[in-house]
Amino acid sequence: MSPEHFDSAGQTFSGRSLTGTGFDNDDGSIDPGLATALQDPGDEEQLMAALAQARLLVPIVAALAESDESGEHVVEKSTDMAVVTLTAPTGERALPVFSDTDALSAWDPDARPSPVRADLAAQAAIAEQCDVLVLDVATRSLVLRPSMLWALAQRLTWRPPHLDEHVRQAISKAVADEPDVADARCEAGSVAGELRVVLAVQPGLTQQELQALAQRVGEQIATDGETRARIDGLAFSVVTARREDTLNTERTR
């Protein structure tokens, strides 16, 4: 009779079967498409398209589960393997992910690489209540903003909010019942991921009325959870409506 073998939790290996992870031949190198996209990380649409198809490495580290403090020195009795999360001074939580084993070793040579698809890494981040992903924190430290995290987790194509058709439609809906708004357009904000909504309004509104108008539109946008997830920041700009804007608004009412 052959001897029984047990895992670290004392469970027998008898009767178990192993299934492939989908990364059986993975040598730990960076995904070629991601490597190309990272040459120009400023092209965020190209970067996100590459990330959506890439294999990432989530670090798993040993965490103390039980210790013995009865003696002069604390003795480690057992450890668990755990996913790592990072917390910024602002309170923002991040899940670190890595493009290859070299980048992971530069951060923590003792961390164990767990290969996953990008969508599963994003879903893990959300499960851990993280706000963002950070790629290769010890080398390039590229932050994937909340809208990017959400798109990866949902397996959706990410677009900048001012070019996102869903967001454009939501802005149109938000101003539909505002008679003082002749037109509304979406532009890139002053910081990455920010949407600037330019409101063309009828002349004669006071500052207080303009502020109330922007607040109403912002609250209307916020009622749509999906739209909110696609925008990393929101700003308003107000201009006086041109005559043609006013005429077009009157024709559509």
Protein backbone atom coordinates (compact mmCIF):
# COMPACT_ATOMS: atom_id res chain seq x y z
CA MET A 1 0.00 0.00 0.00
CA SER A 2 1.42 3.35 -0.99
CA PRO A 3 1.68 6.05 1.70
CA GLU A 4 -0.88 8.90 1.76
CA HIS A 5 0.30 12.42 0.88
CA PHE A 6 -1.30 15.54 2.31
CA ASP A 7 -1.32 19.24 1.45
CA SER A 8 -0.43 22.08 3.82
CA ALA A 9 -4.00 22.11 5.18
CA GLY A 10 -3.82 18.41 6.04
CA GLN A 11 -6.12 17.37 3.18
CA THR A 12 -5.24 14.22 1.26
CA PHE A 13 -4.29 14.46 -2.40
CA SER A 14 -6.07 11.16 -3.03
CA GLY A 15 -8.83 11.35 -5.62
CA ARG A 16 -7.94 14.84 -6.82
CA SER A 17 -7.37 15.78 -10.43
CA LEU A 18 -5.44 18.75 -11.75
CA THR A 19 -6.77 20.99 -14.49
CA GLY A 20 -4.82 23.41 -16.62
CA THR A 21 -4.88 27.12 -15.87
CA GLY A 22 -4.70 28.16 -19.51
CA PHE A 23 -1.14 29.37 -18.92
CA ASP A 24 0.62 26.01 -18.82
CA ASN A 25 3.35 27.12 -21.26
CA ASP A 26 3.71 30.61 -19.80
CA ASP A 27 7.39 31.47 -19.29
CA GLY A 28 6.64 34.68 -17.39
CA SER A 29 7.47 37.04 -20.26
CA ILE A 30 5.43 40.13 -21.02
CA ASP A 31 2.57 39.73 -23.46
CA PRO A 32 3.88 40.95 -26.89
CA GLY A 33 0.84 43.12 -27.58
CA LEU A 34 1.08 44.75 -24.17
CA ALA A 35 4.82 45.33 -24.64
CA THR A 36 4.09 47.21 -27.85
CA ALA A 37 1.32 49.29 -26.28
CA LEU A 38 3.52 50.23 -23.32
CA GLN A 39 5.97 51.91 -25.68
CA ASP A 40 3.37 54.68 -25.95
CA PRO A 41 1.26 54.54 -22.76
CA GLY A 42 -0.20 57.93 -23.64
CA ASP A 43 -2.33 56.20 -26.29
CA GLU A 44 -4.77 54.93 -23.70
CA GLU A 45 -7.18 53.33 -26.14
CA GLN A 46 -4.39 51.20 -27.62
CA LEU A 47 -3.12 50.38 -24.14
CA MET A 48 -6.54 49.27 -22.92
CA ALA A 49 -7.15 47.18 -26.03
CA ALA A 50 -3.83 45.39 -25.41
CA LEU A 51 -4.53 44.94 -21.70
CA ALA A 52 -7.90 43.37 -22.43
CA GLN A 53 -6.11 40.59 -24.33
CA ALA A 54 -3.09 40.25 -22.03
CA ARG A 55 -2.06 37.87 -19.31
CA LEU A 56 -1.20 39.65 -16.07
CA LEU A 57 0.46 38.42 -12.90
CA VAL A 58 -1.26 38.98 -9.56
CA PRO A 59 1.21 38.66 -6.64
CA ILE A 60 0.43 36.18 -3.89
CA VAL A 61 2.38 36.57 -0.64
CA ALA A 62 2.59 34.73 2.66
CA ALA A 63 0.50 36.29 5.44
CA LEU A 64 0.80 35.29 9.10
CA ALA A 65 -2.31 33.34 10.12
CA GLU A 66 -1.37 32.09 13.59
CA SER A 67 1.54 32.72 15.96
CA ASP A 68 2.72 31.60 19.37
CA GLU A 69 3.68 34.46 21.69
CA SER A 70 4.04 32.39 24.86
CA GLY A 71 7.82 32.38 24.78
CA GLU A 72 10.53 34.98 24.57
CA HIS A 73 10.16 35.22 20.81
CA VAL A 74 7.08 35.19 18.63
CA VAL A 75 6.89 31.88 16.78
CA GLU A 76 5.09 31.62 13.46
CA LYS A 77 2.75 28.62 13.60
CA SER A 78 0.96 28.92 10.25
CA THR A 79 0.69 31.22 7.26
CA ASP A 80 -1.85 31.78 4.51
CA MET A 81 -1.22 32.85 0.94
CA ALA A 82 -2.98 36.15 0.26
CA VAL A 83 -3.57 38.72 -2.47
CA VAL A 84 -1.84 42.05 -1.84
CA THR A 85 -3.58 45.43 -1.83
CA LEU A 86 -1.97 48.86 -1.54
CA THR A 87 -3.43 51.94 0.15
CA ALA A 88 -2.43 55.49 -0.80
CA PRO A 89 -2.30 58.34 1.77
CA THR A 90 -5.58 59.57 0.25
CA GLY A 91 -7.24 56.27 1.15
CA GLU A 92 -7.41 55.05 -2.44
CA ARG A 93 -6.93 51.29 -2.63
CA ALA A 94 -5.05 49.57 -5.46
CA LEU A 95 -4.42 46.03 -6.58
CA PRO A 96 -0.87 45.66 -7.93
CA VAL A 97 -0.52 43.61 -11.12
CA PHE A 98 2.55 42.88 -13.17
CA SER A 99 3.33 42.41 -16.84
CA ASP A 100 6.08 39.81 -16.31
CA THR A 101 8.08 38.00 -13.64
CA ASP A 102 10.99 40.47 -13.85
CA ALA A 103 8.69 43.35 -12.92
CA LEU A 104 7.19 41.28 -10.10
CA SER A 105 10.64 40.33 -8.73
CA ALA A 106 11.70 43.98 -8.79
CA TRP A 107 8.86 44.67 -6.36
CA ASP A 108 9.01 41.53 -4.20
CA PRO A 109 11.24 38.58 -5.13
CA ASP A 110 9.38 36.36 -2.67
CA ALA A 111 5.92 36.97 -4.13
CA ARG A 112 4.40 34.10 -6.06
CA PRO A 113 3.06 35.01 -9.53
CA SER A 114 -0.52 34.00 -10.21
CA PRO A 115 -1.25 34.36 -13.96
CA VAL A 116 -4.74 35.62 -14.82
CA ARG A 117 -6.58 37.30 -17.65
CA ALA A 118 -6.92 41.06 -17.26
CA ASP A 119 -10.68 40.86 -16.75
CA LEU A 120 -10.23 38.43 -13.84
CA ALA A 121 -7.57 40.69 -12.31
CA ALA A 122 -10.01 43.60 -12.52
CA GLN A 123 -12.79 41.52 -10.97
CA ALA A 124 -10.43 40.53 -8.16
CA ALA A 125 -9.62 44.20 -7.56
CA ILE A 126 -13.30 45.05 -7.27
CA ALA A 127 -13.85 42.10 -4.92
CA GLU A 128 -11.02 43.48 -2.74
CA GLN A 129 -12.73 46.92 -2.79
CA CYS A 130 -9.89 48.48 -4.76
CA ASP A 131 -10.38 51.69 -6.71
CA VAL A 132 -7.64 51.16 -9.29
CA LEU A 133 -5.11 48.71 -10.69
CA VAL A 134 -1.40 49.59 -10.65
CA LEU A 135 0.72 47.94 -13.32
CA ASP A 136 4.38 47.20 -12.49
CA VAL A 137 4.43 49.29 -9.33
CA ALA A 138 8.21 49.05 -8.81
CA THR A 139 9.17 50.04 -12.35
CA ARG A 140 6.64 51.96 -14.43
CA SER A 141 3.84 52.29 -11.80
CA LEU A 142 1.09 52.82 -14.37
CA VAL A 143 -2.28 53.52 -12.72
CA LEU A 144 -5.38 52.14 -14.42
CA ARG A 145 -8.16 54.48 -13.35
CA PRO A 146 -11.61 53.40 -12.06
CA SER A 147 -13.23 53.67 -15.51
CA MET A 148 -10.50 51.42 -16.93
CA LEU A 149 -10.89 48.93 -14.08
CA TRP A 150 -14.65 48.83 -14.66
CA ALA A 151 -14.28 48.32 -18.43
CA LEU A 152 -11.80 45.47 -17.96
CA ALA A 153 -13.99 43.77 -15.37
CA GLN A 154 -17.04 44.06 -17.65
CA ARG A 155 -15.04 42.95 -20.72
CA LEU A 156 -16.07 46.14 -22.50
CA THR A 157 -14.07 48.31 -24.86
CA TRP A 158 -12.76 51.34 -22.97
CA ARG A 159 -12.99 54.77 -24.55
CA PRO A 160 -12.20 58.24 -23.20
CA PRO A 161 -15.46 59.60 -21.75
CA HIS A 162 -15.77 62.45 -24.24
CA LEU A 163 -15.67 59.90 -27.10
CA ASP A 164 -17.89 57.32 -25.39
CA GLU A 165 -21.27 57.12 -27.13
CA HIS A 166 -23.03 55.92 -23.96
CA VAL A 167 -21.74 58.98 -22.11
CA ARG A 168 -22.72 61.32 -24.94
CA GLN A 169 -26.27 59.99 -24.90
CA ALA A 170 -26.43 60.33 -21.12
CA ILE A 171 -25.39 63.99 -21.34
CA SER A 172 -28.06 64.67 -23.96
CA LYS A 173 -30.66 63.03 -21.72
CA ALA A 174 -29.48 65.02 -18.70
CA VAL A 175 -30.10 68.38 -20.41
CA ALA A 176 -33.24 67.38 -22.31
CA ASP A 177 -35.58 69.03 -19.79
CA GLU A 178 -33.47 72.15 -19.26
CA PRO A 179 -35.05 74.97 -21.33
CA ASP A 180 -32.09 77.28 -20.71
CA VAL A 181 -29.63 74.85 -22.33
CA ALA A 182 -29.44 75.32 -26.09
CA ASP A 183 -26.67 72.78 -26.61
CA ALA A 184 -24.35 70.48 -24.68
CA ARG A 185 -21.14 68.92 -25.93
CA CYS A 186 -18.50 66.63 -24.47
CA GLU A 187 -14.81 67.49 -24.41
CA ALA A 188 -11.68 66.07 -22.80
CA GLY A 189 -11.08 67.55 -19.37
CA SER A 190 -7.88 69.09 -18.07
CA VAL A 191 -6.77 65.84 -16.38
CA ALA A 192 -6.77 62.27 -17.66
CA GLY A 193 -10.16 60.59 -17.53
CA GLU A 194 -12.04 63.81 -16.83
CA LEU A 195 -15.10 64.76 -18.89
CA ARG A 196 -15.80 68.43 -19.51
CA VAL A 197 -19.44 69.17 -20.34
CA VAL A 198 -19.76 72.45 -22.20
CA LEU A 199 -23.23 73.93 -21.74
CA ALA A 200 -24.38 76.56 -24.24
CA VAL A 201 -27.00 78.51 -22.29
CA GLN A 202 -29.40 81.31 -23.04
CA PRO A 203 -28.06 84.78 -22.15
CA GLY A 204 -29.15 86.56 -19.00
CA LEU A 205 -28.74 83.82 -16.38
CA THR A 206 -27.26 84.86 -13.05
CA GLN A 207 -24.24 83.13 -11.52
CA GLN A 208 -26.51 81.49 -8.98
CA GLU A 209 -28.82 80.20 -11.72
CA LEU A 210 -25.84 78.83 -13.68
CA GLN A 211 -24.53 77.01 -10.61
CA ALA A 212 -27.96 75.52 -9.94
CA LEU A 213 -28.21 74.44 -13.58
CA ALA A 214 -24.84 72.68 -13.51
CA GLN A 215 -25.77 70.98 -10.23
CA ARG A 216 -29.03 69.67 -11.68
CA VAL A 217 -27.30 68.31 -14.77
CA GLY A 218 -24.56 66.72 -12.65
CA GLU A 219 -27.12 65.05 -10.40
CA GLN A 220 -29.00 63.74 -13.42
CA ILE A 221 -25.79 62.22 -14.82
CA ALA A 222 -25.02 60.64 -11.43
CA THR A 223 -28.33 58.75 -11.40
CA ASP A 224 -27.01 56.50 -14.19
CA GLY A 225 -24.59 54.08 -12.56
CA GLU A 226 -23.04 52.90 -15.81
CA THR A 227 -22.40 56.45 -16.99
CA ARG A 228 -20.82 57.28 -13.64
CA ALA A 229 -18.54 54.23 -13.97
CA ARG A 230 -17.32 55.39 -17.38
CA ILE A 231 -16.23 58.84 -16.11
CA ASP A 232 -13.25 59.42 -13.81
CA GLY A 233 -14.03 63.09 -13.23
CA LEU A 234 -16.64 65.65 -14.28
CA ALA A 235 -16.28 69.38 -14.94
CA PHE A 236 -18.61 71.96 -16.46
CA SER A 237 -17.94 74.90 -18.72
CA VAL A 238 -20.64 77.42 -19.59
CA VAL A 239 -20.80 79.53 -22.75
CA THR A 240 -23.47 81.79 -24.16
CA ALA A 241 -25.54 80.08 -26.82
CA ARG A 242 -25.07 81.23 -30.38
CA ARG A 243 -28.11 82.25 -32.38
CA GLU A 244 -28.03 79.00 -34.40
CA ASP A 245 -27.91 76.97 -31.16
CA THR A 246 -31.03 78.75 -29.93
CA LEU A 247 -32.87 78.22 -33.22
CA ASN A 248 -31.98 74.52 -33.29
CA THR A 249 -33.20 74.10 -29.72
CA GLU A 250 -36.50 75.80 -30.49
CA ARG A 251 -37.07 73.50 -33.50
CA THR A 252 -36.57 70.35 -31.44
CA ARG A 253 -38.93 71.36 -28.63
